[in-house]
C-alpha atoms as a PDB file:
ATOM      1  CA  UNK A   1      84.905  91.489  98.505  1.00  0.00           C
ATOM      2  CA  UNK A   2      86.952  91.791  95.060  1.00  0.00           C
ATOM      3  CA  UNK A   3      89.804  93.266  97.339  1.00  0.00           C
ATOM      4  CA  UNK A   4      89.227  90.672  99.498  1.00  0.00           C
ATOM      5  CA  UNK A   5      89.896  87.598  97.352  1.00  0.00           C
ATOM      6  CA  UNK A   6      92.544  89.309  95.387  1.00  0.00           C
ATOM      7  CA  UNK A   7      94.239  89.840  98.486  1.00  0.00           C
ATOM      8  CA  UNK A   8      94.056  86.037  99.796  1.00  0.00           C
ATOM      9  CA  UNK A   9      94.675  84.776  96.297  1.00  0.00           C
ATOM     10  CA  UNK A  10      97.293  87.045  94.575  1.00  0.00           C
ATOM     11  CA  UNK A  11      98.525  88.694  98.015  1.00  0.00           C
ATOM     12  CA  UNK A  12      98.975  92.485  98.976  1.00  0.00           C
ATOM     13  CA  UNK A  13     101.952  93.207  97.093  1.00  0.00           C
ATOM     14  CA  UNK A  14     100.151  92.132  93.478  1.00  0.00           C
ATOM     15  CA  UNK A  15      99.971  94.871  90.961  1.00  0.00           C
ATOM     16  CA  UNK A  16      96.323  93.653  90.485  1.00  0.00           C
ATOM     17  CA  UNK A  17      95.670  94.070  94.479  1.00  0.00           C
ATOM     18  CA  UNK A  18      97.261  97.523  94.381  1.00  0.00           C
ATOM     19  CA  UNK A  19      95.065  98.515  91.344  1.00  0.00           C
ATOM     20  CA  UNK A  20      91.838  97.276  93.382  1.00  0.00           C
ATOM     21  CA  UNK A  21      92.620  98.995  96.161  1.00  0.00           C
ATOM     22  CA  UNK A  22      92.837 102.177  93.908  1.00  0.00           C
ATOM     23  CA  UNK A  23      89.774 101.434  92.655  1.00  0.00           C
ATOM     24  CA  UNK A  24      88.099 101.016  95.395  1.00  0.00           C
ATOM     25  CA  UNK A  25      89.431 104.323  96.749  1.00  0.00           C
ATOM     26  CA  UNK A  26      88.073 106.020  93.970  1.00  0.00           C
ATOM     27  CA  UNK A  27      84.554 104.269  94.034  1.00  0.00           C
ATOM     28  CA  UNK A  28      84.533 105.358  97.939  1.00  0.00           C
ATOM     29  CA  UNK A  29      85.182 108.878  96.960  1.00  0.00           C
ATOM     30  CA  UNK A  30      82.692 109.313  94.427  1.00  0.00           C
ATOM     31  CA  UNK A  31      80.021 107.669  97.045  1.00  0.00           C
ATOM     32  CA  UNK A  32      80.863 110.641  99.410  1.00  0.00           C
ATOM     33  CA  UNK A  33      83.030 108.444 101.778  1.00  0.00           C
ATOM     34  CA  UNK A  34      86.093 110.632 101.645  1.00  0.00           C
ATOM     35  CA  UNK A  35      87.373 109.133 104.887  1.00  0.00           C
ATOM     36  CA  UNK A  36      87.404 105.726 103.756  1.00  0.00           C
ATOM     37  CA  UNK A  37      88.747 106.783 100.375  1.00  0.00           C
ATOM     38  CA  UNK A  38      91.835 108.491 101.724  1.00  0.00           C
ATOM     39  CA  UNK A  39      92.299 105.632 103.840  1.00  0.00           C
ATOM     40  CA  UNK A  40      92.758 103.309 101.100  1.00  0.00           C
ATOM     41  CA  UNK A  41      94.473 105.592  99.358  1.00  0.00           C
ATOM     42  CA  UNK A  42      97.017 105.833 102.103  1.00  0.00           C
ATOM     43  CA  UNK A  43      96.902 102.175 101.959  1.00  0.00           C
ATOM     44  CA  UNK A  44      97.884 101.866  98.501  1.00  0.00           C
ATOM     45  CA  UNK A  45     100.396 104.645  98.571  1.00  0.00           C
ATOM     46  CA  UNK A  46     102.297 102.885 101.219  1.00  0.00           C
ATOM     47  CA  UNK A  47     102.180  99.772  99.186  1.00  0.00           C
ATOM     48  CA  UNK A  48     103.503 101.499  96.026  1.00  0.00           C
ATOM     49  CA  UNK A  49     106.211 103.391  97.555  1.00  0.00           C
ATOM     50  CA  UNK A  50     107.392  99.978  99.388  1.00  0.00           C
ATOM     51  CA  UNK A  51     107.150  97.773  95.883  1.00  0.00           C
ATOM     52  CA  UNK A  52     107.440 100.507  93.228  1.00  0.00           C
ATOM     53  CA  UNK A  53     109.433 103.330  94.417  1.00  0.00           C
ATOM     54  CA  UNK A  54     108.070 106.938  95.041  1.00  0.00           C
ATOM     55  CA  UNK A  55     109.269 108.025  91.971  1.00  0.00           C
ATOM     56  CA  UNK A  56     107.442 105.360  89.686  1.00  0.00           C
ATOM     57  CA  UNK A  57     104.374 107.065  87.628  1.00  0.00           C
ATOM     58  CA  UNK A  58     102.115 104.931  89.253  1.00  0.00           C
ATOM     59  CA  UNK A  59     102.783 106.027  92.662  1.00  0.00           C
ATOM     60  CA  UNK A  60     102.772 109.527  91.620  1.00  0.00           C
ATOM     61  CA  UNK A  61      99.379 108.737  90.412  1.00  0.00           C
ATOM     62  CA  UNK A  62      97.943 107.688  93.773  1.00  0.00           C
ATOM     63  CA  UNK A  63      99.920 110.514  95.577  1.00  0.00           C
ATOM     64  CA  UNK A  64      97.627 112.860  93.119  1.00  0.00           C
ATOM     65  CA  UNK A  65      94.679 111.101  93.805  1.00  0.00           C
ATOM     66  CA  UNK A  66      95.159 111.139  97.684  1.00  0.00           C
ATOM     67  CA  UNK A  67      95.971 115.084  97.068  1.00  0.00           C
ATOM     68  CA  UNK A  68      92.879 115.498  95.345  1.00  0.00           C
ATOM     69  CA  UNK A  69      90.729 113.604  98.071  1.00  0.00           C
ATOM     70  CA  UNK A  70      92.597 115.451 100.856  1.00  0.00           C
ATOM     71  CA  UNK A  71      91.309 118.672  99.252  1.00  0.00           C
ATOM     72  CA  UNK A  72      87.899 117.570  98.908  1.00  0.00           C
ATOM     73  CA  UNK A  73      87.711 116.585 102.705  1.00  0.00           C
ATOM     74  CA  UNK A  74      88.883 120.194 103.396  1.00  0.00           C
ATOM     75  CA  UNK A  75      92.690 119.306 104.332  1.00  0.00           C
ATOM     76  CA  UNK A  76      94.143 122.322 101.887  1.00  0.00           C
ATOM     77  CA  UNK A  77      97.449 122.307 103.458  1.00  0.00           C
ATOM     78  CA  UNK A  78      97.884 118.374 103.316  1.00  0.00           C
ATOM     79  CA  UNK A  79      96.968 118.610  99.609  1.00  0.00           C
ATOM     80  CA  UNK A  80      98.973 121.281  98.834  1.00  0.00           C
ATOM     81  CA  UNK A  81     101.812 119.763  99.914  1.00  0.00           C
ATOM     82  CA  UNK A  82     101.341 116.372  98.560  1.00  0.00           C
ATOM     83  CA  UNK A  83     100.653 118.269  95.102  1.00  0.00           C
ATOM     84  CA  UNK A  84     103.967 120.103  95.370  1.00  0.00           C
ATOM     85  CA  UNK A  85     105.796 116.730  96.190  1.00  0.00           C
ATOM     86  CA  UNK A  86     104.014 115.016  93.253  1.00  0.00           C
ATOM     87  CA  UNK A  87     105.058 118.039  90.942  1.00  0.00           C
ATOM     88  CA  UNK A  88     108.637 118.050  91.974  1.00  0.00           C
ATOM     89  CA  UNK A  89     109.081 114.323  91.305  1.00  0.00           C
ATOM     90  CA  UNK A  90     107.320 114.348  87.984  1.00  0.00           C
ATOM     91  CA  UNK A  91     109.569 117.349  87.146  1.00  0.00           C
ATOM     92  CA  UNK A  92     112.571 114.877  88.348  1.00  0.00           C
ATOM     93  CA  UNK A  93     111.022 111.646  86.589  1.00  0.00           C
ATOM     94  CA  UNK A  94     109.824 113.651  83.214  1.00  0.00           C
ATOM     95  CA  UNK A  95     112.500 116.675  83.188  1.00  0.00           C
ATOM     96  CA  UNK A  96     111.072 120.034  83.034  1.00  0.00           C
END
């Protein structure tokens, strides 16, 4: 309900709405709804990339969270690919 209200009042691209999407994804994951969590994280990731760009730290955090969820779902190849992308981007952004 909170996410629906934020979407309605603030809009889908507002930072608080994006944070609510991520929080809901984490809650879904902790409740065992890995498919719902992954879906919500993908939605949030698409928006984050569009609004903040792929190299933004918040976007990289969502990518990491999605990779962890993919791993929990047993998609080891998808999780590994995403984590490698996150690592490469973090090295570019932060240096190493």
